[in-house]
Every structure is written in structure tokens, then in C-alpha cells.
C-alpha atoms as a PDB file:
ATOM      1  CA  MET A   1      54.263 219.750 182.790  1.00  0.00           C
ATOM      2  CA  ASP A   2      54.935 217.289 185.367  1.00  0.00           C
ATOM      3  CA  VAL A   3      53.446 217.522 188.465  1.00  0.00           C
ATOM      4  CA  THR A   4      54.152 215.294 191.763  1.00  0.00           C
ATOM      5  CA  CYS A   5      51.310 214.884 195.090  1.00  0.00           C
ATOM      6  CA  ALA A   6      51.722 212.944 197.970  1.00  0.00           C
ATOM      7  CA  ILE A   7      48.936 210.981 198.928  1.00  0.00           C
ATOM      8  CA  ILE A   8      50.410 211.103 202.167  1.00  0.00           C
ATOM      9  CA  ARG A   9      49.452 208.494 205.528  1.00  0.00           C
ATOM     10  CA  ASP A  10      49.853 209.296 208.957  1.00  0.00           C
ATOM     11  CA  GLU A  11      50.181 205.988 211.137  1.00  0.00           C
ATOM     12  CA  GLU A  12      46.386 204.722 211.741  1.00  0.00           C
ATOM     13  CA  GLY A  13      46.265 204.689 208.157  1.00  0.00           C
ATOM     14  CA  ARG A  14      44.313 208.449 207.344  1.00  0.00           C
ATOM     15  CA  ILE A  15      45.368 210.027 204.741  1.00  0.00           C
ATOM     16  CA  LEU A  16      46.188 213.976 204.490  1.00  0.00           C
ATOM     17  CA  ILE A  17      44.313 216.271 201.780  1.00  0.00           C
ATOM     18  CA  VAL A  18      44.681 220.207 201.584  1.00  0.00           C
ATOM     19  CA  GLN A  19      42.134 222.467 200.308  1.00  0.00           C
ATOM     20  CA  ARG A  20      42.785 225.621 197.539  1.00  0.00           C
ATOM     21  CA  GLY A  21      42.705 229.002 198.582  1.00  0.00           C
ATOM     22  CA  GLY A  22      39.790 231.127 197.075  1.00  0.00           C
ATOM     23  CA  TYR A  23      42.362 232.541 194.198  1.00  0.00           C
ATOM     24  CA  GLY A  24      43.973 230.572 191.485  1.00  0.00           C
ATOM     25  CA  ASP A  25      42.603 227.461 189.615  1.00  0.00           C
ATOM     26  CA  HIS A  26      40.404 225.607 190.683  1.00  0.00           C
ATOM     27  CA  PRO A  27      39.278 227.815 193.987  1.00  0.00           C
ATOM     28  CA  PHE A  28      38.582 225.461 197.636  1.00  0.00           C
ATOM     29  CA  LYS A  29      38.453 222.249 195.904  1.00  0.00           C
ATOM     30  CA  TRP A  30      41.122 219.881 197.622  1.00  0.00           C
ATOM     31  CA  GLU A  31      43.865 218.046 196.376  1.00  0.00           C
ATOM     32  CA  PHE A  32      46.950 215.710 197.352  1.00  0.00           C
ATOM     33  CA  PRO A  33      49.386 218.114 198.303  1.00  0.00           C
ATOM     34  CA  GLY A  34      52.765 218.445 195.752  1.00  0.00           C
ATOM     35  CA  GLY A  35      54.131 221.161 192.839  1.00  0.00           C
ATOM     36  CA  LYS A  36      55.967 221.326 190.295  1.00  0.00           C
ATOM     37  CA  VAL A  37      59.248 219.381 189.164  1.00  0.00           C
ATOM     38  CA  LYS A  38      61.991 221.432 188.397  1.00  0.00           C
ATOM     39  CA  LYS A  39      64.224 221.775 185.855  1.00  0.00           C
ATOM     40  CA  GLY A  40      67.309 219.225 186.663  1.00  0.00           C
ATOM     41  CA  GLU A  41      65.203 218.208 189.901  1.00  0.00           C
ATOM     42  CA  THR A  42      64.165 214.049 190.381  1.00  0.00           C
ATOM     43  CA  PRO A  43      60.575 213.428 191.224  1.00  0.00           C
ATOM     44  CA  GLU A  44      61.076 212.165 194.650  1.00  0.00           C
ATOM     45  CA  ASP A  45      63.536 215.159 195.710  1.00  0.00           C
ATOM     46  CA  CYS A  46      60.664 217.550 194.124  1.00  0.00           C
ATOM     47  CA  ILE A  47      57.852 215.546 196.194  1.00  0.00           C
ATOM     48  CA  ILE A  48      60.141 216.037 199.330  1.00  0.00           C
ATOM     49  CA  ARG A  49      60.821 219.603 198.611  1.00  0.00           C
ATOM     50  CA  GLU A  50      57.003 220.580 198.094  1.00  0.00           C
ATOM     51  CA  ILE A  51      55.738 219.026 201.379  1.00  0.00           C
ATOM     52  CA  ASP A  52      58.387 220.272 203.369  1.00  0.00           C
ATOM     53  CA  GLU A  53      57.739 224.118 201.374  1.00  0.00           C
ATOM     54  CA  GLU A  54      53.975 223.844 201.982  1.00  0.00           C
ATOM     55  CA  LEU A  55      53.308 221.974 204.700  1.00  0.00           C
ATOM     56  CA  ASN A  56      56.733 221.940 206.784  1.00  0.00           C
ATOM     57  CA  MET A  57      56.322 218.294 207.060  1.00  0.00           C
ATOM     58  CA  ASP A  58      58.406 215.798 207.147  1.00  0.00           C
ATOM     59  CA  ILE A  59      57.445 212.473 204.751  1.00  0.00           C
ATOM     60  CA  ILE A  60      59.273 208.960 203.600  1.00  0.00           C
ATOM     61  CA  ILE A  61      57.914 207.686 200.574  1.00  0.00           C
ATOM     62  CA  SER A  62      56.755 204.020 200.769  1.00  0.00           C
ATOM     63  CA  GLY A  63      54.908 204.032 197.183  1.00  0.00           C
ATOM     64  CA  ARG A  64      54.647 205.491 193.593  1.00  0.00           C
ATOM     65  CA  LEU A  65      51.315 205.080 191.268  1.00  0.00           C
ATOM     66  CA  GLU A  66      51.211 204.872 187.838  1.00  0.00           C
ATOM     67  CA  SER A  67      51.023 208.316 186.608  1.00  0.00           C
ATOM     68  CA  VAL A  68      48.214 210.519 185.396  1.00  0.00           C
ATOM     69  CA  GLU A  69      47.507 212.537 182.408  1.00  0.00           C
ATOM     70  CA  TYR A  70      44.760 214.913 182.245  1.00  0.00           C
ATOM     71  CA  ASP A  71      43.738 218.003 180.374  1.00  0.00           C
ATOM     72  CA  TYR A  72      42.252 220.575 182.018  1.00  0.00           C
ATOM     73  CA  GLY A  73      41.705 223.025 178.006  1.00  0.00           C
ATOM     74  CA  TYR A  74      44.031 225.747 178.907  1.00  0.00           C
ATOM     75  CA  LYS A  75      46.660 223.354 180.359  1.00  0.00           C
ATOM     76  CA  GLN A  76      47.579 219.494 180.257  1.00  0.00           C
ATOM     77  CA  VAL A  77      49.345 218.397 183.507  1.00  0.00           C
ATOM     78  CA  ARG A  78      51.074 215.180 184.214  1.00  0.00           C
ATOM     79  CA  LEU A  79      50.418 214.257 187.743  1.00  0.00           C
ATOM     80  CA  LEU A  80      52.641 211.777 189.538  1.00  0.00           C
ATOM     81  CA  PRO A  81      51.620 210.329 192.501  1.00  0.00           C
ATOM     82  CA  PHE A  82      53.595 209.262 195.627  1.00  0.00           C
ATOM     83  CA  ILE A  83      52.358 207.297 198.506  1.00  0.00           C
ATOM     84  CA  CYS A  84      54.242 208.642 201.339  1.00  0.00           C
ATOM     85  CA  ASP A  85      54.291 207.959 205.517  1.00  0.00           C
ATOM     86  CA  THR A  86      54.146 210.714 208.256  1.00  0.00           C
ATOM     87  CA  LEU A  87      54.875 211.338 212.008  1.00  0.00           C
ATOM     88  CA  ASP A  88      53.706 214.625 211.832  1.00  0.00           C
ATOM     89  CA  LEU A  89      49.831 215.341 212.230  1.00  0.00           C
ATOM     90  CA  SER A  90      49.375 219.214 212.356  1.00  0.00           C
ATOM     91  CA  PRO A  91      50.675 220.897 208.483  1.00  0.00           C
ATOM     92  CA  VAL A  92      51.359 223.840 208.535  1.00  0.00           C
ATOM     93  CA  LEU A  93      49.720 225.784 206.079  1.00  0.00           C
ATOM     94  CA  ASN A  94      51.812 227.914 203.664  1.00  0.00           C
ATOM     95  CA  GLU A  95      50.060 227.442 200.950  1.00  0.00           C
ATOM     96  CA  HIS A  96      46.612 225.961 201.853  1.00  0.00           C
ATOM     97  CA  ASN A  97      43.195 227.192 203.136  1.00  0.00           C
ATOM     98  CA  ASP A  98      42.753 224.304 205.148  1.00  0.00           C
ATOM     99  CA  TYR A  99      43.743 220.311 205.728  1.00  0.00           C
ATOM    100  CA  LYS A 100      41.976 217.086 207.032  1.00  0.00           C
ATOM    101  CA  TRP A 101      43.016 213.479 207.605  1.00  0.00           C
ATOM    102  CA  ILE A 102      40.090 210.951 206.002  1.00  0.00           C
ATOM    103  CA  GLN A 103      40.110 207.253 206.030  1.00  0.00           C
ATOM    104  CA  GLU A 104      40.447 205.718 202.435  1.00  0.00           C
ATOM    105  CA  ASN A 105      36.623 204.990 201.921  1.00  0.00           C
ATOM    106  CA  GLU A 106      36.164 208.476 202.214  1.00  0.00           C
ATOM    107  CA  LEU A 107      38.062 209.790 199.573  1.00  0.00           C
ATOM    108  CA  VAL A 108      35.373 209.285 196.849  1.00  0.00           C
ATOM    109  CA  GLY A 109      33.120 211.751 198.314  1.00  0.00           C
ATOM    110  CA  ILE A 110      35.644 214.053 198.334  1.00  0.00           C
ATOM    111  CA  ASP A 111      35.643 217.798 196.135  1.00  0.00           C
ATOM    112  CA  PHE A 112      38.856 217.152 194.090  1.00  0.00           C
ATOM    113  CA  CYS A 113      40.309 218.831 191.220  1.00  0.00           C
ATOM    114  CA  GLU A 114      39.466 216.531 188.301  1.00  0.00           C
ATOM    115  CA  ALA A 115      43.514 214.428 188.442  1.00  0.00           C
ATOM    116  CA  ASP A 116      43.478 213.959 191.642  1.00  0.00           C
ATOM    117  CA  VAL A 117      40.101 212.235 191.478  1.00  0.00           C
ATOM    118  CA  ILE A 118      41.507 210.101 189.342  1.00  0.00           C
ATOM    119  CA  VAL A 119      44.687 209.906 191.173  1.00  0.00           C
ATOM    120  CA  ALA A 120      42.129 208.886 194.326  1.00  0.00           C
ATOM    121  CA  GLY A 121      41.005 206.180 192.459  1.00  0.00           C
ATOM    122  CA  LYS A 122      44.130 204.761 191.862  1.00  0.00           C
ATOM    123  CA  TYR A 123      44.923 204.665 195.204  1.00  0.00           C
ATOM    124  CA  THR A 124      41.399 202.978 196.354  1.00  0.00           C
ATOM    125  CA  SER A 125      41.959 200.583 193.638  1.00  0.00           C
ATOM    126  CA  SER A 126      45.280 199.509 194.529  1.00  0.00           C
ATOM    127  CA  VAL A 127      44.562 199.266 198.844  1.00  0.00           C
ATOM    128  CA  ASN A 128      41.735 196.897 197.867  1.00  0.00           C
ATOM    129  CA  LYS A 129      44.046 194.468 195.785  1.00  0.00           C
ATOM    130  CA  LEU A 130      45.226 192.550 199.011  1.00  0.00           C
ATOM    131  CA  THR A 131      47.231 189.690 197.909  1.00  0.00           C
ATOM    132  CA  ASP A 132      45.662 186.479 197.569  1.00  0.00           C
ATOM    133  CA  GLN A 133      48.976 184.623 198.166  1.00  0.00           C
ATOM    134  CA  ASP A 134      49.338 183.027 201.645  1.00  0.00           C
ATOM    135  CA  PRO A 135      52.893 183.525 202.549  1.00  0.00           C
ATOM    136  CA  ALA A 136      52.902 181.062 205.707  1.00  0.00           C
ATOM    137  CA  GLN A 137      51.441 178.462 202.994  1.00  0.00           C
ATOM    138  CA  GLU A 138      54.728 177.918 201.035  1.00  0.00           C
ATOM    139  CA  ASP A 139      56.167 174.258 202.357  1.00  0.00           C
ATOM    140  CA  SER A 140      55.605 172.446 198.853  1.00  0.00           C
ATOM    141  CA  LYS A 141      58.027 175.068 197.395  1.00  0.00           C
ATOM    142  CA  SER A 142      61.580 174.967 197.062  1.00  0.00           C
ATOM    143  CA  GLU A 143      63.506 177.182 199.724  1.00  0.00           C
ATOM    144  CA  GLU A 144      64.920 179.650 196.810  1.00  0.00           C
ATOM    145  CA  GLN A 145      61.107 179.789 194.929  1.00  0.00           C
ATOM    146  CA  THR A 146      59.734 180.925 198.235  1.00  0.00           C
ATOM    147  CA  ASP A 147      62.266 183.044 199.022  1.00  0.00           C
ATOM    148  CA  SER A 148      61.804 184.690 196.167  1.00  0.00           C
ATOM    149  CA  ASP A 149      57.757 184.784 196.086  1.00  0.00           C
ATOM    150  CA  LEU A 150      58.036 185.882 199.670  1.00  0.00           C
ATOM    151  CA  GLN A 151      60.118 189.158 198.661  1.00  0.00           C
ATOM    152  CA  GLU A 152      57.606 190.182 195.377  1.00  0.00           C
ATOM    153  CA  VAL A 153      54.817 189.656 198.010  1.00  0.00           C
ATOM    154  CA  ILE A 154      56.823 192.232 200.367  1.00  0.00           C
ATOM    155  CA  ASN A 155      57.269 194.805 197.570  1.00  0.00           C
ATOM    156  CA  ARG A 156      53.603 194.343 196.078  1.00  0.00           C
ATOM    157  CA  MET A 157      52.696 195.923 200.021  1.00  0.00           C
ATOM    158  CA  MET A 158      51.223 199.325 199.632  1.00  0.00           C
ATOM    159  CA  SER A 159      48.553 199.183 201.587  1.00  0.00           C
ATOM    160  CA  VAL A 160      47.941 199.193 205.434  1.00  0.00           C
ATOM    161  CA  GLU A 161      45.776 195.951 205.020  1.00  0.00           C
ATOM    162  CA  GLU A 162      48.300 194.376 203.500  1.00  0.00           C
ATOM    163  CA  VAL A 163      51.258 195.039 205.959  1.00  0.00           C
ATOM    164  CA  ASP A 164      48.781 194.296 208.670  1.00  0.00           C
ATOM    165  CA  PHE A 165      48.727 190.626 206.962  1.00  0.00           C
ATOM    166  CA  MET A 166      52.133 190.102 206.844  1.00  0.00           C
ATOM    167  CA  ALA A 167      52.756 191.091 210.452  1.00  0.00           C
ATOM    168  CA  LEU A 168      50.498 188.611 211.266  1.00  0.00           C
ATOM    169  CA  SER A 169      52.064 185.956 209.500  1.00  0.00           C
ATOM    170  CA  ALA A 170      55.160 186.298 210.935  1.00  0.00           C
ATOM    171  CA  ALA A 171      53.659 186.023 213.796  1.00  0.00           C
ATOM    172  CA  GLU A 172      52.384 182.786 213.201  1.00  0.00           C
ATOM    173  CA  ASN A 173      55.208 181.932 211.231  1.00  0.00           C
ATOM    174  CA  PRO A 174      59.411 182.092 212.998  1.00  0.00           C
ATOM    175  CA  GLU A 175      60.272 181.297 209.588  1.00  0.00           C
ATOM    176  CA  ILE A 176      58.682 184.254 207.911  1.00  0.00           C
ATOM    177  CA  LEU A 177      59.721 186.538 211.118  1.00  0.00           C
ATOM    178  CA  SER A 178      63.734 185.642 210.818  1.00  0.00           C
ATOM    179  CA  ARG A 179      63.337 186.700 206.312  1.00  0.00           C
ATOM    180  CA  LEU A 180      61.466 190.054 207.595  1.00  0.00           C
ATOM    181  CA  PHE A 181      64.884 190.700 210.111  1.00  0.00           C
ATOM    182  CA  GLU A 182      67.087 189.605 207.216  1.00  0.00           C
ATOM    183  CA  TYR A 183      65.286 191.612 204.287  1.00  0.00           C
ATOM    184  CA  SER A 184      65.381 194.959 206.730  1.00  0.00           C
ATOM    185  CA  GLY A 185      69.295 194.758 206.138  1.00  0.00           C
ATOM    186  CA  SER A 186      68.595 194.314 202.723  1.00  0.00           C
ATOM    187  CA  SER A 187      70.490 196.834 199.926  1.00  0.00           C
ATOM    188  CA  ASP A 188      67.553 196.907 197.995  1.00  0.00           C
ATOM    189  CA  ARG A 189      65.982 199.882 199.665  1.00  0.00           C
ATOM    190  CA  LYS A 190      62.365 199.113 199.170  1.00  0.00           C
ATOM    191  CA  LEU A 191      62.285 195.665 199.998  1.00  0.00           C
ATOM    192  CA  ALA A 192      64.177 196.538 203.510  1.00  0.00           C
ATOM    193  CA  PHE A 193      61.775 199.692 203.913  1.00  0.00           C
ATOM    194  CA  ARG A 194      59.024 197.137 203.353  1.00  0.00           C
ATOM    195  CA  ALA A 195      59.850 194.547 205.695  1.00  0.00           C
ATOM    196  CA  SER A 196      60.910 196.542 208.437  1.00  0.00           C
ATOM    197  CA  TRP A 197      57.282 198.274 208.134  1.00  0.00           C
ATOM    198  CA  ALA A 198      56.149 194.795 208.941  1.00  0.00           C
ATOM    199  CA  LEU A 199      58.239 194.225 211.830  1.00  0.00           C
ATOM    200  CA  SER A 200      56.443 197.780 212.910  1.00  0.00           C
ATOM    201  CA  LYS A 201      53.355 196.680 212.510  1.00  0.00           C
ATOM    202  CA  LEU A 202      53.858 193.362 213.966  1.00  0.00           C
ATOM    203  CA  CYS A 203      55.046 195.548 217.255  1.00  0.00           C
ATOM    204  CA  ASP A 204      51.606 197.153 217.474  1.00  0.00           C
ATOM    205  CA  ARG A 205      49.484 193.128 217.755  1.00  0.00           C
ATOM    206  CA  ALA A 206      52.319 191.370 219.382  1.00  0.00           C
ATOM    207  CA  SER A 207      55.676 193.068 220.476  1.00  0.00           C
ATOM    208  CA  GLU A 208      56.688 190.119 223.201  1.00  0.00           C
ATOM    209  CA  THR A 209      57.299 188.164 219.304  1.00  0.00           C
ATOM    210  CA  LEU A 210      59.833 190.603 219.254  1.00  0.00           C
ATOM    211  CA  ILE A 211      61.886 190.750 222.439  1.00  0.00           C
ATOM    212  CA  PRO A 212      64.398 188.298 221.363  1.00  0.00           C
ATOM    213  CA  TRP A 213      65.305 189.898 218.271  1.00  0.00           C
ATOM    214  CA  SER A 214      66.124 193.295 220.651  1.00  0.00           C
ATOM    215  CA  LYS A 215      69.424 193.135 219.635  1.00  0.00           C
ATOM    216  CA  VAL A 216      69.795 192.153 216.528  1.00  0.00           C
ATOM    217  CA  ILE A 217      66.974 195.631 216.057  1.00  0.00           C
ATOM    218  CA  VAL A 218      69.447 197.612 217.715  1.00  0.00           C
ATOM    219  CA  LYS A 219      73.028 196.294 215.360  1.00  0.00           C
ATOM    220  CA  THR A 220      70.372 197.276 212.377  1.00  0.00           C
ATOM    221  CA  ILE A 221      70.064 200.364 213.428  1.00  0.00           C
ATOM    222  CA  LEU A 222      73.697 200.836 214.066  1.00  0.00           C
ATOM    223  CA  GLN A 223      74.616 199.499 210.459  1.00  0.00           C
ATOM    224  CA  THR A 224      71.983 200.663 208.006  1.00  0.00           C
ATOM    225  CA  ASP A 225      72.249 203.879 205.970  1.00  0.00           C
ATOM    226  CA  ASN A 226      68.597 203.435 205.031  1.00  0.00           C
ATOM    227  CA  GLU A 227      66.351 206.022 206.809  1.00  0.00           C
ATOM    228  CA  SER A 228      62.966 203.842 206.208  1.00  0.00           C
ATOM    229  CA  VAL A 229      64.485 201.612 208.260  1.00  0.00           C
ATOM    230  CA  GLU A 230      66.335 202.848 210.713  1.00  0.00           C
ATOM    231  CA  ARG A 231      62.534 205.588 211.131  1.00  0.00           C
ATOM    232  CA  SER A 232      60.971 201.829 211.674  1.00  0.00           C
ATOM    233  CA  PHE A 233      63.252 200.088 213.860  1.00  0.00           C
ATOM    234  CA  LEU A 234      63.408 202.881 216.345  1.00  0.00           C
ATOM    235  CA  ARG A 235      59.709 203.262 216.825  1.00  0.00           C
ATOM    236  CA  ILE A 236      60.187 199.242 217.938  1.00  0.00           C
ATOM    237  CA  LEU A 237      62.839 200.145 220.629  1.00  0.00           C
ATOM    238  CA  THR A 238      59.724 202.719 221.522  1.00  0.00           C
ATOM    239  CA  LEU A 239      57.545 200.149 222.524  1.00  0.00           C
ATOM    240  CA  LEU A 240      59.312 197.379 223.493  1.00  0.00           C
ATOM    241  CA  ASP A 241      60.709 196.779 226.977  1.00  0.00           C
ATOM    242  CA  ILE A 242      64.210 198.736 226.840  1.00  0.00           C
ATOM    243  CA  GLY A 243      65.106 197.039 230.109  1.00  0.00           C
ATOM    244  CA  SER A 244      65.297 193.932 228.392  1.00  0.00           C
ATOM    245  CA  LEU A 245      68.691 194.969 226.619  1.00  0.00           C
ATOM    246  CA  ASP A 246      71.842 194.105 228.005  1.00  0.00           C
ATOM    247  CA  GLN A 247      73.832 197.131 229.519  1.00  0.00           C
ATOM    248  CA  ASN A 248      75.808 197.911 226.330  1.00  0.00           C
ATOM    249  CA  HIS A 249      73.603 197.693 223.856  1.00  0.00           C
ATOM    250  CA  GLN A 250      71.193 200.170 225.832  1.00  0.00           C
ATOM    251  CA  GLY A 251      74.940 202.605 225.793  1.00  0.00           C
ATOM    252  CA  LEU A 252      75.242 202.240 222.183  1.00  0.00           C
ATOM    253  CA  ILE A 253      71.037 202.424 221.268  1.00  0.00           C
ATOM    254  CA  ALA A 254      71.687 206.089 223.518  1.00  0.00           C
ATOM    255  CA  ASP A 255      74.801 206.936 222.036  1.00  0.00           C
ATOM    256  CA  HIS A 256      72.885 206.595 218.207  1.00  0.00           C
ATOM    257  CA  CYS A 257      70.218 208.690 219.753  1.00  0.00           C
ATOM    258  CA  PHE A 258      71.457 211.382 221.195  1.00  0.00           C
ATOM    259  CA  LYS A 259      73.698 211.814 217.419  1.00  0.00           C
ATOM    260  CA  ALA A 260      70.803 211.800 215.992  1.00  0.00           C
ATOM    261  CA  LEU A 261      68.885 214.092 218.020  1.00  0.00           C
ATOM    262  CA  ASN A 262      71.969 216.654 218.114  1.00  0.00           C
ATOM    263  CA  SER A 263      72.338 216.093 214.035  1.00  0.00           C
ATOM    264  CA  GLY A 264      71.170 218.573 211.646  1.00  0.00           C
ATOM    265  CA  THR A 265      70.088 216.542 209.190  1.00  0.00           C
ATOM    266  CA  SER A 266      68.622 213.692 211.183  1.00  0.00           C
ATOM    267  CA  ALA A 267      64.845 213.536 209.825  1.00  0.00           C
ATOM    268  CA  ILE A 268      62.126 214.708 211.702  1.00  0.00           C
ATOM    269  CA  ALA A 269      60.663 211.291 212.764  1.00  0.00           C
ATOM    270  CA  VAL A 270      64.035 209.768 213.918  1.00  0.00           C
ATOM    271  CA  LYS A 271      64.891 212.432 216.167  1.00  0.00           C
ATOM    272  CA  ALA A 272      61.120 211.908 217.878  1.00  0.00           C
ATOM    273  CA  TYR A 273      61.730 208.623 218.007  1.00  0.00           C
ATOM    274  CA  SER A 274      64.769 208.801 219.381  1.00  0.00           C
ATOM    275  CA  MET A 275      64.031 211.385 222.580  1.00  0.00           C
ATOM    276  CA  GLU A 276      61.665 208.544 223.601  1.00  0.00           C
ATOM    277  CA  ILE A 277      63.905 206.242 223.559  1.00  0.00           C
ATOM    278  CA  ILE A 278      66.654 208.119 225.872  1.00  0.00           C
ATOM    279  CA  TYR A 279      63.854 208.814 228.018  1.00  0.00           C
ATOM    280  CA  LYS A 280      62.686 205.647 228.726  1.00  0.00           C
ATOM    281  CA  LEU A 281      66.421 204.728 229.320  1.00  0.00           C
ATOM    282  CA  ALA A 282      66.700 207.864 231.668  1.00  0.00           C
ATOM    283  CA  VAL A 283      64.209 206.323 233.378  1.00  0.00           C
ATOM    284  CA  LEU A 284      66.120 203.417 234.257  1.00  0.00           C
ATOM    285  CA  TYR A 285      69.606 205.799 234.211  1.00  0.00           C
ATOM    286  CA  PRO A 286      67.986 209.935 235.791  1.00  0.00           C
ATOM    287  CA  ASP A 287      71.388 211.200 235.239  1.00  0.00           C
ATOM    288  CA  LEU A 288      70.684 210.777 231.206  1.00  0.00           C
ATOM    289  CA  ALA A 289      67.551 213.676 232.314  1.00  0.00           C
ATOM    290  CA  ASN A 290      69.946 216.745 232.142  1.00  0.00           C
ATOM    291  CA  GLU A 291      71.613 215.487 228.637  1.00  0.00           C
ATOM    292  CA  LEU A 292      68.137 214.784 226.762  1.00  0.00           C
ATOM    293  CA  ALA A 293      66.830 217.932 228.135  1.00  0.00           C
ATOM    294  CA  VAL A 294      69.643 220.177 227.051  1.00  0.00           C
ATOM    295  CA  SER A 295      69.207 218.144 223.129  1.00  0.00           C
ATOM    296  CA  VAL A 296      65.145 218.396 223.337  1.00  0.00           C
ATOM    297  CA  ASN A 297      65.489 222.666 223.718  1.00  0.00           C
ATOM    298  CA  MET A 298      68.074 222.945 221.235  1.00  0.00           C
ATOM    299  CA  ILE A 299      65.790 221.465 218.905  1.00  0.00           C
ATOM    300  CA  LYS A 300      62.643 222.939 219.966  1.00  0.00           C
ATOM    301  CA  GLY A 301      63.289 225.888 217.386  1.00  0.00           C
ATOM    302  CA  GLU A 302      62.634 223.443 214.391  1.00  0.00           C
ATOM    303  CA  GLY A 303      59.625 224.003 212.509  1.00  0.00           C
ATOM    304  CA  SER A 304      57.648 220.453 212.487  1.00  0.00           C
ATOM    305  CA  ALA A 305      55.098 221.200 214.619  1.00  0.00           C
ATOM    306  CA  GLY A 306      55.411 217.030 215.862  1.00  0.00           C
ATOM    307  CA  ILE A 307      58.895 217.919 217.002  1.00  0.00           C
ATOM    308  CA  LYS A 308      57.858 220.563 218.994  1.00  0.00           C
ATOM    309  CA  ALA A 309      55.255 218.708 219.934  1.00  0.00           C
ATOM    310  CA  ARG A 310      56.750 215.369 221.114  1.00  0.00           C
ATOM    311  CA  GLY A 311      59.922 218.086 222.403  1.00  0.00           C
ATOM    312  CA  ARG A 312      57.139 219.069 225.125  1.00  0.00           C
ATOM    313  CA  ILE A 313      55.779 216.035 226.086  1.00  0.00           C
ATOM    314  CA  ILE A 314      59.162 214.741 227.045  1.00  0.00           C
ATOM    315  CA  LEU A 315      59.767 217.867 228.555  1.00  0.00           C
ATOM    316  CA  LYS A 316      57.438 217.807 231.097  1.00  0.00           C
ATOM    317  CA  LYS A 317      58.512 213.960 231.967  1.00  0.00           C
ATOM    318  CA  LEU A 318      61.815 214.433 232.274  1.00  0.00           C
ATOM    319  CA  ALA A 319      60.824 217.290 234.997  1.00  0.00           C
ATOM    320  CA  GLU A 320      58.440 214.210 236.768  1.00  0.00           C
ATOM    321  CA  ILE A 321      61.870 212.796 236.905  1.00  0.00           C
ATOM    322  CA  SER A 322      63.787 215.387 238.431  1.00  0.00           C
ATOM    323  CA  ARG A 323      60.918 216.242 241.154  1.00  0.00           C
ATOM    324  CA  GLY A 324      61.211 212.559 241.986  1.00  0.00           C
ATOM    325  CA  GLN A 325      64.963 212.729 242.759  1.00  0.00           C
ATOM    326  CA  GLN A 326      64.488 215.892 244.345  1.00  0.00           C
ATOM    327  CA  SER A 327      61.888 213.996 246.645  1.00  0.00           C
ATOM    328  CA  SER A 328      64.404 210.757 247.192  1.00  0.00           C
ATOM    329  CA  PRO A 329      65.748 210.245 251.037  1.00  0.00           C
END
């Protein structure tokens, strides 16, 4: 029996685990959330569906571990573990008894179901296998070989530590920084996501490094069909000075973000970052405040706790803008 599970990480690298109820198999044991693969369903579609049904969370798949086969005696399972990222920090417990966010080094002390113990071990091993190849020291190799090696290093990245390492390398080496932007537009969706992920982490550490690239960031957001890249680049814009963009690019990103907010298919993270970007533009152009408030109120009925919380924060900030306008002479 094929069963998917998700190692869900927040932006700080913490991992979500959930506790089973007191009835059924493995009462009160902890596990990684997931469920059975339905007939005709891909494992990727399964884990997205299961996390939405069980926890009302929006996730993005960023990697996959080797499958784990385990015989419980009364049933045999093949566990298919996915490494996922999320913006939502407050799951809605539709099937489980409890949840908590833990650090990777705490996994060893958790009372997991047996198969999940093996998955936790595989994840810990993958995190500890930090690359020993320094992408900043490739001068002796041909440009083609260096490019191939860099792509390989990026495609192997799974842990937050590895992404931080790549981000620091990009901060120190303009060539690596340029390559990360190039790869973010790649048709190789895995490479594009990991490259944009590293750029997002670079923004956390040295946002000023990315200001000269702000127009490229907007252009990529408008052109990409890779939701993971869109999410990373929108996050970067929430951290940069939006005033560094010219009015043309400010208008382009505002239109894009309003479309994302009002779309019924946009991911929760995309909507959350979009409303933050429009708010920053509304500070510069207060006429946008009313339109943003209408859009935020329209999506407040969505199931994600994360988007509701972000919406409430934005509405409070918009109210301050309105009060400021009213008090102006």
C-alpha cells in the first residue's frame, strides 16, 4: 500500500509533526502528515490533497526522500516522503489530536510510528550531508563544467543550511548571483525553484545585494509559470524597498498582485505576499488602499488560517493609512 507523507518546514526550518488520536492504529503516536494514494492519482497530487484535507494548509513540494517499506505485521506500507515548505503556521486539525513545530535535531526524541522513525532518520541524514563543494572556488574549471557543477550543487540542496551556504556564496561572488537569477528562469522546474529559494535566503541576509536586480525580479514574476519561483520572488519584493522600482514596474507588479489576490486558483502564499506588496505600494500611493481592502475582505472567507491572519494585519495597517489621510489638512 502506497502512503505519502510530508516533512513540512516553515521559513525558519522548523518541521511540523502531528499526533494521532486515541482510536485506530498507533494511538497517540506522532507522525508526518499524509495519506493513501488513490487509484489514478500521482504521489505528488496525493500529498497536496491530503495536507489540504487534514490540515487546511497550502504547501509547496521542494524535494523527495527515498521510499520506506515497513511491515507492521497486519499490513505492509510503502511510505513516500516529500519535503515541503509552507507559509501557514497554524494547521486546522481535521483528523489529528495535536500538532507542534520542532527543530530537526529534536526528531530523534519523538514517539513516532515505526515507519515515520525511519523517515525521520533519512531526513536527518540528508540534512547532515552538507555539500563539501564550494561553488565560489571553481576558477580552474571551464565555464561549461563550472555551470554544470553549480547546477548539480543547487539541485542537491534540501536543507536550510545548504541553501544558506549557497546564499552566502552568491553574496560574495557576483557570477554565482547572476547564475541564480538565470537558473530561476529555467524550464527545469526543480532547478528554478532551488535557485529562487537561495535568492530568497540571500535577501534575508543581505537584501541590498538584490536591489540592482529588482527589475529582473519583477520581470521574472510576470513571466514565470513556476509557482515556486513566483512565491520566492514575491517574498523578496516584500523585503526590498518597493520605492526603488520605477513607476512603470511598480504598476506592473501591482496589477499582477491584484490579479493573484482576486484569483480563485492562486496559492495561499502567493496571495499573502501579494497583499503585503500592494500594502507597501499603498503607503506610497494611498489611492490603492481602498481597492486592497476590498480584495482582502473578499478572501477572508478562505479556509487557510495563515491567509486570514495576514489579512487582518493588512486591514489594520490600511486603517492607519485612512486615518492619516483624514487627519491631513
